[in-house]
Amino acid sequence: MIQFEVIIKAEGGLHARPAALLVNCVAQSQSKVFLIRKQDQKRVDARSILGIMTLGTVQGDQLLIEIDGPDEAQVSEAIRELFEES
């Protein structure tokens, strides 16, 4: 299992567009991916755009990303790139 933290840099948080990009990235993998909002430990499946949207993240929020599966290293790198770009 791989775990790492990211900080939401996007002004609108994880709104519809970045959430959709994340879901598409995760959907191509065989690994289980979860997002955990550090403030309240709310945990959602990263394959669910509705779940991501219910986190209600805003700029500056910290998320813990958990990835577990056969392609976790590749998924981890792809997710890190997504968060760096946004």
C-alpha atoms as a PDB file:
ATOM      1  CA  MET A   1       0.000   0.000   0.000  1.00  0.00           C
ATOM      2  CA  ILE A   2       1.115   3.512  -0.840  1.00  0.00           C
ATOM      3  CA  GLN A   3       0.000   6.549   1.157  1.00  0.00           C
ATOM      4  CA  PHE A   4       0.844  10.168   0.519  1.00  0.00           C
ATOM      5  CA  GLU A   5      -0.583  13.590   1.252  1.00  0.00           C
ATOM      6  CA  VAL A   6      -1.577  16.322  -1.147  1.00  0.00           C
ATOM      7  CA  ILE A   7      -2.774  19.863  -0.601  1.00  0.00           C
ATOM      8  CA  ILE A   8      -5.590  21.159  -2.778  1.00  0.00           C
ATOM      9  CA  LYS A   9      -4.127  24.039  -4.772  1.00  0.00           C
ATOM     10  CA  ALA A  10      -7.067  24.713  -7.103  1.00  0.00           C
ATOM     11  CA  GLU A  11      -9.069  27.777  -6.149  1.00  0.00           C
ATOM     12  CA  GLY A  12     -12.360  25.893  -6.394  1.00  0.00           C
ATOM     13  CA  GLY A  13     -11.178  22.776  -4.561  1.00  0.00           C
ATOM     14  CA  LEU A  14     -11.977  19.398  -6.104  1.00  0.00           C
ATOM     15  CA  HIS A  15     -14.925  20.634  -8.143  1.00  0.00           C
ATOM     16  CA  ALA A  16     -16.466  18.757 -11.087  1.00  0.00           C
ATOM     17  CA  ARG A  17     -13.642  19.047 -13.648  1.00  0.00           C
ATOM     18  CA  PRO A  18     -10.676  18.001 -11.468  1.00  0.00           C
ATOM     19  CA  ALA A  19     -12.832  15.343  -9.791  1.00  0.00           C
ATOM     20  CA  ALA A  20     -13.680  13.891 -13.219  1.00  0.00           C
ATOM     21  CA  LEU A  21      -9.999  13.865 -14.191  1.00  0.00           C
ATOM     22  CA  LEU A  22      -9.161  12.008 -10.989  1.00  0.00           C
ATOM     23  CA  VAL A  23     -11.956   9.459 -11.491  1.00  0.00           C
ATOM     24  CA  ASN A  24     -10.820   8.833 -15.086  1.00  0.00           C
ATOM     25  CA  CYS A  25      -7.234   8.328 -13.937  1.00  0.00           C
ATOM     26  CA  VAL A  26      -8.237   5.879 -11.202  1.00  0.00           C
ATOM     27  CA  ALA A  27     -10.726   4.021 -13.430  1.00  0.00           C
ATOM     28  CA  GLN A  28      -7.853   2.927 -15.684  1.00  0.00           C
ATOM     29  CA  SER A  29      -6.111   1.157 -12.823  1.00  0.00           C
ATOM     30  CA  GLN A  30      -6.586  -2.140 -11.040  1.00  0.00           C
ATOM     31  CA  SER A  31      -5.788  -0.658  -7.634  1.00  0.00           C
ATOM     32  CA  LYS A  32      -8.165   0.512  -4.929  1.00  0.00           C
ATOM     33  CA  VAL A  33      -7.797   4.225  -4.314  1.00  0.00           C
ATOM     34  CA  PHE A  34      -9.268   6.188  -1.424  1.00  0.00           C
ATOM     35  CA  LEU A  35      -9.211   9.881  -0.528  1.00  0.00           C
ATOM     36  CA  ILE A  36      -9.262  10.828   3.153  1.00  0.00           C
ATOM     37  CA  ARG A  37      -9.859  14.451   4.133  1.00  0.00           C
ATOM     38  CA  LYS A  38      -7.418  15.128   6.975  1.00  0.00           C
ATOM     39  CA  GLN A  39      -9.684  17.574   8.836  1.00  0.00           C
ATOM     40  CA  ASP A  40     -12.375  15.022   9.669  1.00  0.00           C
ATOM     41  CA  GLN A  41     -11.025  11.693   8.346  1.00  0.00           C
ATOM     42  CA  LYS A  42     -13.916  11.398   5.852  1.00  0.00           C
ATOM     43  CA  ARG A  43     -12.969   8.602   3.441  1.00  0.00           C
ATOM     44  CA  VAL A  44     -14.292   8.139  -0.103  1.00  0.00           C
ATOM     45  CA  ASP A  45     -13.613   5.841  -3.035  1.00  0.00           C
ATOM     46  CA  ALA A  46     -11.726   7.754  -5.735  1.00  0.00           C
ATOM     47  CA  ARG A  47     -13.687   5.899  -8.443  1.00  0.00           C
ATOM     48  CA  SER A  48     -16.836   7.745  -7.365  1.00  0.00           C
ATOM     49  CA  ILE A  49     -17.234  11.299  -8.634  1.00  0.00           C
ATOM     50  CA  LEU A  50     -20.187  11.716  -6.281  1.00  0.00           C
ATOM     51  CA  GLY A  51     -18.039  10.569  -3.357  1.00  0.00           C
ATOM     52  CA  ILE A  52     -15.296  13.024  -4.264  1.00  0.00           C
ATOM     53  CA  MET A  53     -17.781  15.863  -4.596  1.00  0.00           C
ATOM     54  CA  THR A  54     -19.265  15.082  -1.163  1.00  0.00           C
ATOM     55  CA  LEU A  55     -15.868  15.738   0.412  1.00  0.00           C
ATOM     56  CA  GLY A  56     -16.499  19.422  -0.233  1.00  0.00           C
ATOM     57  CA  THR A  57     -12.800  20.228  -0.447  1.00  0.00           C
ATOM     58  CA  VAL A  58     -11.601  23.782  -0.750  1.00  0.00           C
ATOM     59  CA  GLN A  59      -8.252  25.327  -1.573  1.00  0.00           C
ATOM     60  CA  GLY A  60      -5.742  24.517   1.164  1.00  0.00           C
ATOM     61  CA  ASP A  61      -7.411  21.297   2.357  1.00  0.00           C
ATOM     62  CA  GLN A  62      -5.118  18.333   2.940  1.00  0.00           C
ATOM     63  CA  LEU A  63      -5.987  14.904   1.572  1.00  0.00           C
ATOM     64  CA  LEU A  64      -4.398  11.573   2.357  1.00  0.00           C
ATOM     65  CA  ILE A  65      -4.355   9.312  -0.702  1.00  0.00           C
ATOM     66  CA  GLU A  66      -4.320   5.535  -0.114  1.00  0.00           C
ATOM     67  CA  ILE A  67      -3.565   3.220  -3.020  1.00  0.00           C
ATOM     68  CA  ASP A  68      -3.471  -0.553  -2.808  1.00  0.00           C
ATOM     69  CA  GLY A  69      -3.116  -2.913  -5.738  1.00  0.00           C
ATOM     70  CA  PRO A  70      -0.897  -4.357  -8.437  1.00  0.00           C
ATOM     71  CA  ASP A  71      -0.291  -1.046 -10.243  1.00  0.00           C
ATOM     72  CA  GLU A  72      -0.163   1.221  -7.199  1.00  0.00           C
ATOM     73  CA  ALA A  73       3.176   2.820  -8.124  1.00  0.00           C
ATOM     74  CA  GLN A  74       1.940   3.909 -11.554  1.00  0.00           C
ATOM     75  CA  VAL A  75      -1.375   5.163 -10.159  1.00  0.00           C
ATOM     76  CA  SER A  76       0.435   7.050  -7.415  1.00  0.00           C
ATOM     77  CA  GLU A  77       2.599   8.869  -9.949  1.00  0.00           C
ATOM     78  CA  ALA A  78      -0.384   9.725 -12.158  1.00  0.00           C
ATOM     79  CA  ILE A  79      -2.363  11.106  -9.206  1.00  0.00           C
ATOM     80  CA  ARG A  80       0.596  13.146  -7.978  1.00  0.00           C
ATOM     81  CA  GLU A  81       0.906  14.693 -11.438  1.00  0.00           C
ATOM     82  CA  LEU A  82      -2.802  15.552 -11.487  1.00  0.00           C
ATOM     83  CA  PHE A  83      -2.571  17.374  -8.173  1.00  0.00           C
ATOM     84  CA  GLU A  84       0.615  19.206  -9.195  1.00  0.00           C
ATOM     85  CA  GLU A  85      -1.016  20.441 -12.408  1.00  0.00           C
ATOM     86  CA  SER A  86      -4.156  21.760 -10.746  1.00  0.00           C
END
